[in-house]
Amino acid sequence: MVRAACKNVKIGDLPTGQRMEWVNGLAKNLNDVMKSGRPVRSIERMTGKAIHDVLQEIEKYAKAIDKIEQGYKH
């Protein structure tokens, strides 16, 4: 499914700057995954790490908000 999606992607907005670096990195990672001997396992690892990173960021944000709210209660 991912392979078919990658073959049919049409790019209309070419990114520049930091966004370009991010897109190029993602494209390279996906290309490496698709060429690997176990693409499904590699995609699971890649998405698992991304989900873990997002959850860590949410936790940091929630702690910062909680700290701010505690300041208003006292």
C-alpha atoms as a PDB file:
ATOM      1  CA  MET A   1       0.000   0.000   0.000  1.00  0.00           C
ATOM      2  CA  VAL A   2       2.770   2.449   0.930  1.00  0.00           C
ATOM      3  CA  ARG A   3       4.726   1.531  -2.205  1.00  0.00           C
ATOM      4  CA  ALA A   4       1.698   2.286  -4.401  1.00  0.00           C
ATOM      5  CA  ALA A   5       1.108   5.595  -2.647  1.00  0.00           C
ATOM      6  CA  CYS A   6       4.757   6.612  -3.083  1.00  0.00           C
ATOM      7  CA  LYS A   7       4.679   5.793  -6.799  1.00  0.00           C
ATOM      8  CA  ASN A   8       1.572   7.935  -7.353  1.00  0.00           C
ATOM      9  CA  VAL A   9       2.488  11.030  -5.344  1.00  0.00           C
ATOM     10  CA  LYS A  10       2.343  14.244  -7.356  1.00  0.00           C
ATOM     11  CA  ILE A  11       4.224  17.163  -5.895  1.00  0.00           C
ATOM     12  CA  GLY A  12       2.747  20.588  -6.558  1.00  0.00           C
ATOM     13  CA  ASP A  13       4.430  22.587  -3.791  1.00  0.00           C
ATOM     14  CA  LEU A  14       8.190  22.174  -3.542  1.00  0.00           C
ATOM     15  CA  PRO A  15       9.327  23.013  -0.023  1.00  0.00           C
ATOM     16  CA  THR A  16      12.243  25.287   0.765  1.00  0.00           C
ATOM     17  CA  GLY A  17      14.510  25.839   3.759  1.00  0.00           C
ATOM     18  CA  GLN A  18      13.942  23.833   6.920  1.00  0.00           C
ATOM     19  CA  ARG A  19      10.758  22.283   5.528  1.00  0.00           C
ATOM     20  CA  MET A  20      12.723  21.042   2.512  1.00  0.00           C
ATOM     21  CA  GLU A  21      15.260  19.363   4.807  1.00  0.00           C
ATOM     22  CA  TRP A  22      12.451  17.680   6.744  1.00  0.00           C
ATOM     23  CA  VAL A  23      10.699  16.476   3.572  1.00  0.00           C
ATOM     24  CA  ASN A  24      13.962  15.233   2.055  1.00  0.00           C
ATOM     25  CA  GLY A  25      14.794  13.363   5.267  1.00  0.00           C
ATOM     26  CA  LEU A  26      11.367  11.764   5.365  1.00  0.00           C
ATOM     27  CA  ALA A  27      11.585  10.797   1.692  1.00  0.00           C
ATOM     28  CA  LYS A  28      15.028   9.255   2.243  1.00  0.00           C
ATOM     29  CA  ASN A  29      13.785   7.289   5.258  1.00  0.00           C
ATOM     30  CA  LEU A  30      10.771   5.996   3.329  1.00  0.00           C
ATOM     31  CA  ASN A  31      12.977   5.087   0.365  1.00  0.00           C
ATOM     32  CA  ASP A  32      15.379   3.204   2.646  1.00  0.00           C
ATOM     33  CA  VAL A  33      12.447   1.392   4.270  1.00  0.00           C
ATOM     34  CA  MET A  34      10.994   0.330   0.934  1.00  0.00           C
ATOM     35  CA  LYS A  35      14.385  -1.006  -0.219  1.00  0.00           C
ATOM     36  CA  SER A  36      15.046  -2.873   3.016  1.00  0.00           C
ATOM     37  CA  GLY A  37      14.613  -6.607   3.309  1.00  0.00           C
ATOM     38  CA  ARG A  38      11.722  -6.195   5.739  1.00  0.00           C
ATOM     39  CA  PRO A  39       9.779  -3.045   4.790  1.00  0.00           C
ATOM     40  CA  VAL A  40       6.753  -3.783   6.988  1.00  0.00           C
ATOM     41  CA  ARG A  41       8.887  -4.254  10.100  1.00  0.00           C
ATOM     42  CA  SER A  42      10.862  -1.124   9.237  1.00  0.00           C
ATOM     43  CA  ILE A  43       7.694   0.953   8.837  1.00  0.00           C
ATOM     44  CA  GLU A  44       6.463  -0.318  12.214  1.00  0.00           C
ATOM     45  CA  ARG A  45       9.731   0.767  13.825  1.00  0.00           C
ATOM     46  CA  MET A  46       9.711   4.144  12.094  1.00  0.00           C
ATOM     47  CA  THR A  47       6.121   4.964  13.024  1.00  0.00           C
ATOM     48  CA  GLY A  48       6.583   3.571  16.530  1.00  0.00           C
ATOM     49  CA  LYS A  49       9.488   5.955  17.134  1.00  0.00           C
ATOM     50  CA  ALA A  50       7.518   8.883  15.704  1.00  0.00           C
ATOM     51  CA  ILE A  51       4.532   8.111  17.934  1.00  0.00           C
ATOM     52  CA  HIS A  52       6.829   7.774  20.957  1.00  0.00           C
ATOM     53  CA  ASP A  53       8.433  11.159  20.194  1.00  0.00           C
ATOM     54  CA  VAL A  54       5.032  12.847  19.827  1.00  0.00           C
ATOM     55  CA  LEU A  55       3.819  11.393  23.124  1.00  0.00           C
ATOM     56  CA  GLN A  56       6.961  12.674  24.863  1.00  0.00           C
ATOM     57  CA  GLU A  57       6.339  16.169  23.490  1.00  0.00           C
ATOM     58  CA  ILE A  58       2.710  16.048  24.655  1.00  0.00           C
ATOM     59  CA  GLU A  59       3.862  14.973  28.120  1.00  0.00           C
ATOM     60  CA  LYS A  60       6.368  17.862  28.320  1.00  0.00           C
ATOM     61  CA  TYR A  61       3.678  20.312  27.189  1.00  0.00           C
ATOM     62  CA  ALA A  62       1.170  18.956  29.727  1.00  0.00           C
ATOM     63  CA  LYS A  63       3.724  19.272  32.545  1.00  0.00           C
ATOM     64  CA  ALA A  64       4.496  22.863  31.557  1.00  0.00           C
ATOM     65  CA  ILE A  65       0.784  23.746  31.500  1.00  0.00           C
ATOM     66  CA  ASP A  66       0.259  22.027  34.854  1.00  0.00           C
ATOM     67  CA  LYS A  67       3.115  24.038  36.356  1.00  0.00           C
ATOM     68  CA  ILE A  68       1.578  27.288  35.052  1.00  0.00           C
ATOM     69  CA  GLU A  69      -1.848  26.337  36.391  1.00  0.00           C
ATOM     70  CA  GLN A  70      -0.394  25.510  39.805  1.00  0.00           C
ATOM     71  CA  GLY A  71       0.964  29.052  39.936  1.00  0.00           C
ATOM     72  CA  TYR A  72      -2.573  30.459  39.532  1.00  0.00           C
ATOM     73  CA  LYS A  73      -4.018  28.291  42.318  1.00  0.00           C
ATOM     74  CA  HIS A  74      -1.756  29.730  45.019  1.00  0.00           C
END
